[in-house]
Amino acid sequence: MMANSNDGEGIYDQSLRLHNRIWNELSTITDPSWPAKDPNNISILHHNSKSLCKNLHFYESLQLYNHVDIFSISETWLKPDMQDSLITLPQFSIVRCDRKSSTKTRDGRAALYIKSCYKIEQLYNPAKKLQHLCDSVWVNLHSENTKDTLTIISIYLPPDSDKTEFINQLSSILHQRNFINKKVILVGDFNINFNADSKDKQHIEQSLLSVSLKQVLAGVSFVSHQGRESLIDHNYVNSNLSIKSCSILTCERSISDHYATLLTLDFIKPASNSRKLITTRNYHKINHISFFNDCSSLPLIETAHDRTLDIHQRVNEIDQLIISVVDKHAPEKNTPG
C-alpha cells in the first residue's frame, strides 16, 4: 500500500511517480531538437545524473522512446563492486570509469551506454593519464557493416580539479594520438562556464580548437540552488563530422540540477545490402624520417611496463599508439569492392 502524504512517500513510490511523469512528458514532446528517425543519424545524450542508480528510470524512459544511441553520464556515483547487471539498459552495453579522482569533492565517475549494434573498443591509456584530474571514458565506436569509426570521450571534471593541468594534458593526448584527422565527439561536465569570459574558458576553447574540436552547445545547462545559471556541460565536435542538431533538453530538470544535452550527427550506417568496401593504405608516399620521428616519441616502453593494465590492455594500447602514427602518414581509404 502506498504511504500517504503524512507518512512521506517511499523511495519506490517516488521513483514510480517520477517515471510515469517523465514518460507522459516524452510521449507528447514536440521539441524540434528531438531528431526524426534516420538510419544515418547518431544521437548522443549527455547528462549529469547525480546518481545513476537513483535516476536510471529516466534513461530507461528515453531508451524506450527510441531516440538515443549513446548515453554519456557524469557523476554516476557508482562503486567498483556494483555489478553491471544492476544498471543495465536493454540493448545497450555499458563502459564505466569507477576510479576515484584525487580531488576533494564527492566521487563523480563517468559512464557510457552504447547501443549493442556497435562494436566497442575501449581506450584505457588516455583515461589513465587523466585519472588524477578527472573521470573519463574513451571508446572507439565501429559501425556495423562499415569501416567508419567514431571516437567518443565522456568526461567529468570536478570543480576543484586543476583545470590548467587538465586542459594541457587533454590537449597533449589528443595531439599525440592524431585525433585531428579522426571523427571525434567530446562531451561531459567540465565545470567551466562557457557563458563567462574566463581564463579557463579561453584556455580550453583555444586548446581544443587546435585539434579541430569546437564547442557547439549554447544556452544554460546548469542552475544552482541559488538560481545562478551557467553552461558547464559541453559538446565538442571536430570538423570531420556533420552536425544535424545540438540542443539542451528541459524535461528532466527535477531529477538533477543539470539539464540534459542532445547532439545528433551524420554517421553512416549502411544497409546490409550495401556494396562491400575494400580498405587500403598508400605506404609509398610516407616520409620515412617524419614517420620514424613520430614513432620514436610514442610511449611504447612505458606502456609495455605499465603494471596498472593487464597484458591484453597493454597490447591494445601499444597497437592504438602505433596505428595513430600510421593513420597520420598513410590514412585508410575505402573503395567499393
Protein backbone atom coordinates (compact mmCIF):
# COMPACT_ATOMS: atom_id res chain seq x y z
CA MET A 1 0.00 0.00 0.00
CA MET A 2 1.33 3.46 -0.95
CA ALA A 3 2.25 5.66 2.00
CA ASN A 4 0.08 8.77 2.44
CA SER A 5 1.44 12.31 2.32
CA ASN A 6 1.68 12.49 6.11
CA ASP A 7 3.90 9.44 6.34
CA GLY A 8 6.05 10.53 3.40
CA GLU A 9 6.47 8.67 0.14
CA GLY A 10 8.73 5.64 -0.05
CA ILE A 11 11.62 5.68 -2.47
CA TYR A 12 9.89 3.18 -4.76
CA ASP A 13 6.69 5.25 -4.90
CA GLN A 14 8.64 8.43 -5.66
CA SER A 15 10.55 6.65 -8.40
CA LEU A 16 7.38 5.24 -9.96
CA ARG A 17 5.61 8.60 -9.91
CA LEU A 18 8.61 10.34 -11.48
CA HIS A 19 8.97 7.62 -14.12
CA ASN A 20 5.31 7.98 -15.12
CA ARG A 21 5.52 11.78 -15.23
CA ILE A 22 8.64 11.71 -17.43
CA TRP A 23 7.12 9.12 -19.73
CA ASN A 24 3.97 11.25 -20.14
CA GLU A 25 6.12 14.28 -20.99
CA LEU A 26 8.18 12.34 -23.52
CA SER A 27 5.09 10.83 -25.14
CA THR A 28 3.76 14.29 -26.02
CA ILE A 29 7.01 16.12 -26.63
CA THR A 30 7.16 18.26 -29.78
CA ASP A 31 10.58 19.78 -29.22
CA PRO A 32 12.23 20.01 -32.69
CA SER A 33 15.57 19.14 -31.07
CA TRP A 34 14.44 15.52 -30.99
CA PRO A 35 15.59 14.17 -34.38
CA ALA A 36 13.40 12.21 -36.73
CA LYS A 37 14.42 8.59 -37.00
CA ASP A 38 17.15 8.34 -39.62
CA PRO A 39 19.43 5.33 -40.07
CA ASN A 40 22.28 7.67 -40.98
CA ASN A 41 22.00 9.76 -37.81
CA ILE A 42 23.53 9.07 -34.43
CA SER A 43 22.29 10.80 -31.27
CA ILE A 44 24.36 11.28 -28.11
CA LEU A 45 22.69 12.42 -24.89
CA HIS A 46 24.86 13.73 -22.06
CA HIS A 47 23.56 14.26 -18.53
CA ASN A 48 24.97 14.78 -15.05
CA SER A 49 22.82 12.26 -13.20
CA LYS A 50 23.81 12.92 -9.56
CA SER A 51 23.44 9.15 -9.00
CA LEU A 52 22.84 6.77 -11.89
CA CYS A 53 21.08 4.21 -9.70
CA LYS A 54 18.57 6.76 -8.44
CA ASN A 55 17.79 8.12 -11.90
CA LEU A 56 18.13 5.05 -14.11
CA HIS A 57 14.37 5.18 -14.79
CA PHE A 58 14.86 8.47 -16.67
CA TYR A 59 17.29 6.88 -19.13
CA GLU A 60 15.06 3.82 -19.44
CA SER A 61 12.24 6.16 -20.50
CA LEU A 62 14.41 7.83 -23.12
CA GLN A 63 15.64 4.47 -24.35
CA LEU A 64 12.06 3.23 -24.72
CA TYR A 65 11.22 6.39 -26.63
CA ASN A 66 13.96 5.19 -29.02
CA HIS A 67 15.71 8.47 -29.77
CA VAL A 68 19.12 7.95 -28.18
CA ASP A 69 22.02 5.82 -29.45
CA ILE A 70 24.56 6.76 -26.76
CA PHE A 71 24.14 7.98 -23.17
CA SER A 72 27.07 9.85 -21.60
CA ILE A 73 26.54 10.00 -17.84
CA SER A 74 28.54 12.17 -15.42
CA GLU A 75 28.53 11.77 -11.62
CA THR A 76 27.27 8.20 -11.72
CA TRP A 77 28.43 7.70 -8.11
CA LEU A 78 28.94 4.03 -8.92
CA LYS A 79 31.16 1.88 -6.71
CA PRO A 80 33.56 -0.60 -8.34
CA ASP A 81 31.80 -3.51 -6.62
CA MET A 82 28.43 -2.68 -8.22
CA GLN A 83 27.69 -5.17 -10.98
CA ASP A 84 26.67 -4.05 -14.47
CA SER A 85 23.59 -6.26 -14.21
CA LEU A 86 22.11 -3.84 -11.67
CA ILE A 87 22.27 -0.85 -14.02
CA THR A 88 21.54 -2.35 -17.43
CA LEU A 89 19.58 -0.75 -20.24
CA PRO A 90 18.08 -3.26 -22.72
CA GLN A 91 20.04 -3.45 -26.00
CA PHE A 92 22.83 -1.23 -24.62
CA SER A 93 26.38 -2.00 -23.50
CA ILE A 94 27.91 -0.03 -20.63
CA VAL A 95 31.51 1.19 -20.29
CA ARG A 96 32.36 2.65 -16.86
CA CYS A 97 35.01 4.67 -15.08
CA ASP A 98 34.67 3.97 -11.36
CA ARG A 99 38.13 5.09 -10.25
CA LYS A 100 38.14 7.83 -7.65
CA SER A 101 39.81 11.09 -8.63
CA SER A 102 42.28 12.67 -6.20
CA THR A 103 40.16 15.80 -5.75
CA LYS A 104 38.34 16.67 -2.53
CA THR A 105 34.83 16.58 -3.91
CA ARG A 106 32.43 13.67 -3.71
CA ASP A 107 33.25 10.87 -6.14
CA GLY A 108 32.00 11.78 -9.61
CA ARG A 109 32.74 8.98 -12.08
CA ALA A 110 31.53 8.58 -15.65
CA ALA A 111 29.89 6.02 -17.91
CA LEU A 112 28.78 5.45 -21.49
CA TYR A 113 25.77 3.41 -22.57
CA ILE A 114 26.17 2.40 -26.23
CA LYS A 115 23.68 0.56 -28.44
CA SER A 116 24.73 -3.02 -28.94
CA CYS A 117 24.75 -2.73 -32.75
CA TYR A 118 28.15 -1.04 -32.47
CA LYS A 119 31.49 -2.72 -31.90
CA ILE A 120 33.17 -1.01 -28.95
CA GLU A 121 36.91 -0.67 -28.46
CA GLN A 122 37.83 0.88 -25.10
CA LEU A 123 40.93 3.12 -24.94
CA TYR A 124 42.45 2.67 -21.49
CA ASN A 125 45.63 4.74 -21.59
CA PRO A 126 44.12 8.24 -22.15
CA ALA A 127 41.73 7.77 -19.22
CA LYS A 128 44.60 6.52 -17.04
CA LYS A 129 46.73 9.60 -17.83
CA LEU A 130 43.91 11.89 -16.71
CA GLN A 131 42.64 9.89 -13.73
CA HIS A 132 44.25 12.16 -11.12
CA LEU A 133 42.34 15.10 -12.61
CA CYS A 134 39.03 13.76 -13.87
CA ASP A 135 36.88 10.70 -14.53
CA SER A 136 36.70 9.77 -18.21
CA VAL A 137 35.69 7.04 -20.63
CA TRP A 138 37.28 6.80 -24.10
CA VAL A 139 35.98 4.42 -26.77
CA ASN A 140 36.26 3.84 -30.49
CA LEU A 141 32.87 3.08 -31.96
CA HIS A 142 32.74 0.95 -35.10
CA SER A 143 29.55 0.94 -37.12
CA GLU A 144 28.28 -2.49 -38.09
CA ASN A 145 28.92 -3.35 -41.77
CA THR A 146 31.16 -0.33 -42.35
CA LYS A 147 34.76 0.73 -41.79
CA ASP A 148 33.66 4.08 -40.32
CA THR A 149 34.98 4.78 -36.80
CA LEU A 150 33.83 7.37 -34.28
CA THR A 151 35.74 8.22 -31.08
CA ILE A 152 33.51 9.11 -28.11
CA ILE A 153 35.00 10.72 -24.99
CA SER A 154 32.92 11.28 -21.86
CA ILE A 155 34.44 13.39 -19.07
CA TYR A 156 33.54 14.54 -15.58
CA LEU A 157 35.91 17.27 -14.34
CA PRO A 158 35.32 18.07 -10.63
CA PRO A 159 35.00 21.77 -9.74
CA ASP A 160 38.17 21.75 -7.58
CA SER A 161 40.36 20.00 -10.15
CA ASP A 162 43.42 21.78 -11.59
CA LYS A 163 41.83 22.95 -14.82
CA THR A 164 45.04 24.30 -16.36
CA GLU A 165 46.80 20.96 -15.96
CA PHE A 166 43.71 19.10 -17.19
CA ILE A 167 43.44 21.18 -20.37
CA ASN A 168 47.16 20.84 -21.09
CA GLN A 169 47.10 17.06 -20.54
CA LEU A 170 43.94 16.59 -22.61
CA SER A 171 45.33 18.66 -25.50
CA SER A 172 48.60 16.72 -25.40
CA ILE A 173 46.81 13.36 -25.59
CA LEU A 174 44.61 14.48 -28.49
CA HIS A 175 47.62 15.76 -30.43
CA GLN A 176 49.73 12.67 -29.72
CA ARG A 177 47.02 10.31 -30.95
CA ASN A 178 46.39 12.36 -34.10
CA PHE A 179 42.72 12.94 -33.27
CA ILE A 180 42.69 15.99 -35.52
CA ASN A 181 42.30 13.65 -38.52
CA LYS A 182 39.60 11.46 -36.96
CA LYS A 183 35.92 11.71 -36.17
CA VAL A 184 35.75 12.73 -32.50
CA ILE A 185 32.99 13.73 -30.08
CA LEU A 186 33.92 15.00 -26.61
CA VAL A 187 31.08 15.54 -24.13
CA GLY A 188 30.82 15.98 -20.40
CA ASP A 189 30.54 18.16 -17.33
CA PHE A 190 33.69 20.32 -17.35
CA ASN A 191 32.73 22.78 -14.58
CA ILE A 192 33.99 25.58 -16.85
CA ASN A 193 31.29 28.14 -17.60
CA PHE A 194 31.18 28.84 -21.34
CA ASN A 195 28.81 31.75 -20.74
CA ALA A 196 31.51 33.64 -18.80
CA ASP A 197 34.67 35.09 -20.32
CA SER A 198 37.20 33.43 -18.02
CA LYS A 199 40.81 32.30 -18.35
CA ASP A 200 39.76 28.63 -18.16
CA LYS A 201 37.10 29.12 -20.83
CA GLN A 202 39.57 30.76 -23.21
CA HIS A 203 42.22 28.14 -22.47
CA ILE A 204 40.04 25.10 -23.17
CA GLU A 205 38.43 26.71 -26.22
CA GLN A 206 41.77 27.58 -27.84
CA SER A 207 43.43 24.27 -26.90
CA LEU A 208 40.67 22.12 -28.35
CA LEU A 209 40.34 24.25 -31.47
CA SER A 210 43.99 23.39 -32.12
CA VAL A 211 42.86 19.78 -32.65
CA SER A 212 39.80 20.90 -34.62
CA LEU A 213 37.33 20.37 -31.74
CA LYS A 214 34.71 23.11 -31.38
CA GLN A 215 32.20 23.63 -28.56
CA VAL A 216 28.79 23.60 -30.30
CA LEU A 217 26.38 23.86 -27.35
CA ALA A 218 24.74 27.16 -26.38
CA GLY A 219 22.34 28.14 -23.62
CA VAL A 220 22.04 27.13 -19.96
CA SER A 221 22.84 23.59 -18.82
CA PHE A 222 23.08 24.11 -15.05
CA VAL A 223 21.07 26.06 -12.47
CA SER A 224 22.47 26.27 -8.94
CA HIS A 225 20.36 26.13 -5.78
CA GLN A 226 20.77 29.91 -5.61
CA GLY A 227 19.36 30.26 -9.16
CA ARG A 228 22.66 31.07 -10.89
CA GLU A 229 22.69 29.84 -14.50
CA SER A 230 25.72 28.60 -16.42
CA LEU A 231 26.89 26.43 -19.31
CA ILE A 232 29.27 23.91 -17.75
CA ASP A 233 28.19 20.89 -19.80
CA HIS A 234 29.99 20.94 -23.14
CA ASN A 235 29.65 19.21 -26.52
CA TYR A 236 32.80 19.32 -28.67
CA VAL A 237 32.73 18.07 -32.27
CA ASN A 238 35.54 18.10 -34.79
CA SER A 239 35.30 19.33 -38.37
CA ASN A 240 35.20 15.80 -39.81
CA LEU A 241 31.58 15.41 -38.64
CA SER A 242 28.36 16.97 -39.88
CA ILE A 243 26.02 18.19 -37.11
CA LYS A 244 22.28 17.75 -37.56
CA SER A 245 21.22 19.37 -34.28
CA CYS A 246 22.56 20.29 -30.85
CA SER A 247 20.30 21.37 -28.02
CA ILE A 248 19.59 21.43 -24.29
CA LEU A 249 16.55 19.47 -23.10
CA THR A 250 14.41 20.73 -20.25
CA CYS A 251 12.05 17.87 -19.40
CA GLU A 252 14.32 16.27 -16.76
CA ARG A 253 15.15 19.29 -14.57
CA SER A 254 13.59 17.81 -11.42
CA ILE A 255 15.99 14.84 -11.19
CA SER A 256 19.23 16.85 -11.28
CA ASP A 257 20.46 20.43 -11.21
CA HIS A 258 21.75 19.83 -14.74
CA TYR A 259 19.76 19.75 -17.96
CA ALA A 260 20.50 17.01 -20.47
CA THR A 261 22.17 17.84 -23.78
CA LEU A 262 21.35 16.13 -27.07
CA LEU A 263 23.71 16.02 -30.04
CA THR A 264 22.72 14.49 -33.40
CA LEU A 265 25.17 13.94 -36.24
CA ASP A 266 25.61 12.18 -39.55
CA PHE A 267 27.19 8.80 -39.03
CA ILE A 268 26.53 6.47 -41.93
CA LYS A 269 25.13 3.07 -41.06
CA PRO A 270 24.71 1.41 -44.47
CA ALA A 271 22.03 -1.13 -45.21
CA SER A 272 23.00 -4.79 -45.17
CA ASN A 273 22.83 -4.98 -48.96
CA SER A 274 25.36 -2.17 -49.48
CA ARG A 275 28.43 -2.92 -51.58
CA LYS A 276 31.46 -4.28 -49.82
CA LEU A 277 34.22 -1.76 -49.14
CA ILE A 278 37.91 -2.54 -49.50
CA THR A 279 40.24 -0.66 -47.15
CA THR A 280 43.69 0.28 -48.44
CA ARG A 281 46.68 2.40 -47.40
CA ASN A 282 49.28 4.06 -49.63
CA TYR A 283 52.66 3.46 -47.98
CA HIS A 284 54.72 4.64 -50.95
CA LYS A 285 54.36 8.35 -50.16
CA ILE A 286 55.38 8.10 -46.50
CA ASN A 287 58.18 10.43 -45.42
CA HIS A 288 60.34 7.91 -43.58
CA ILE A 289 62.20 10.45 -41.45
CA SER A 290 58.99 12.10 -40.25
CA PHE A 291 57.37 8.71 -39.70
CA PHE A 292 60.19 7.36 -37.53
CA ASN A 293 60.42 10.64 -35.60
CA ASP A 294 56.73 10.33 -34.69
CA CYS A 295 57.20 6.67 -33.76
CA SER A 296 60.16 7.47 -31.52
CA SER A 297 58.03 9.90 -29.50
CA LEU A 298 55.44 7.24 -28.63
CA PRO A 299 55.46 5.99 -25.01
CA LEU A 300 55.77 2.34 -26.08
CA ILE A 301 58.22 1.25 -23.37
CA GLU A 302 56.23 2.95 -20.61
CA THR A 303 53.01 1.33 -21.82
CA ALA A 304 54.63 -2.11 -22.08
CA HIS A 305 55.74 -1.90 -18.43
CA ASP A 306 52.54 -0.30 -17.10
CA ARG A 307 51.50 -2.74 -14.35
CA THR A 308 48.19 -0.96 -13.78
CA LEU A 309 46.99 -2.51 -17.05
CA ASP A 310 46.72 -6.22 -17.75
CA ILE A 311 48.62 -7.75 -20.67
CA HIS A 312 45.65 -7.52 -23.06
CA GLN A 313 45.12 -3.84 -22.25
CA ARG A 314 48.84 -3.09 -22.74
CA VAL A 315 48.88 -4.80 -26.13
CA ASN A 316 45.75 -2.90 -27.14
CA GLU A 317 47.26 0.44 -26.09
CA ILE A 318 50.54 -0.19 -27.95
CA ASP A 319 48.54 -1.20 -31.01
CA GLN A 320 46.48 2.02 -30.83
CA LEU A 321 49.60 4.19 -30.43
CA ILE A 322 51.25 2.69 -33.49
CA ILE A 323 48.05 2.87 -35.55
CA SER A 324 47.68 6.56 -34.67
CA VAL A 325 51.04 7.28 -36.37
CA VAL A 326 50.22 5.05 -39.34
CA ASP A 327 46.87 6.84 -39.72
CA LYS A 328 48.69 10.17 -39.83
CA HIS A 329 51.16 9.18 -42.55
CA ALA A 330 49.13 6.62 -44.51
CA PRO A 331 45.43 7.13 -43.80
CA GLU A 332 42.94 4.45 -44.73
CA LYS A 333 40.89 4.83 -47.90
CA ASN A 334 37.71 2.90 -48.65
CA THR A 335 36.92 1.86 -52.21
CA PRO A 336 33.96 -0.22 -53.45
CA GLY A 337 34.76 -3.90 -53.90
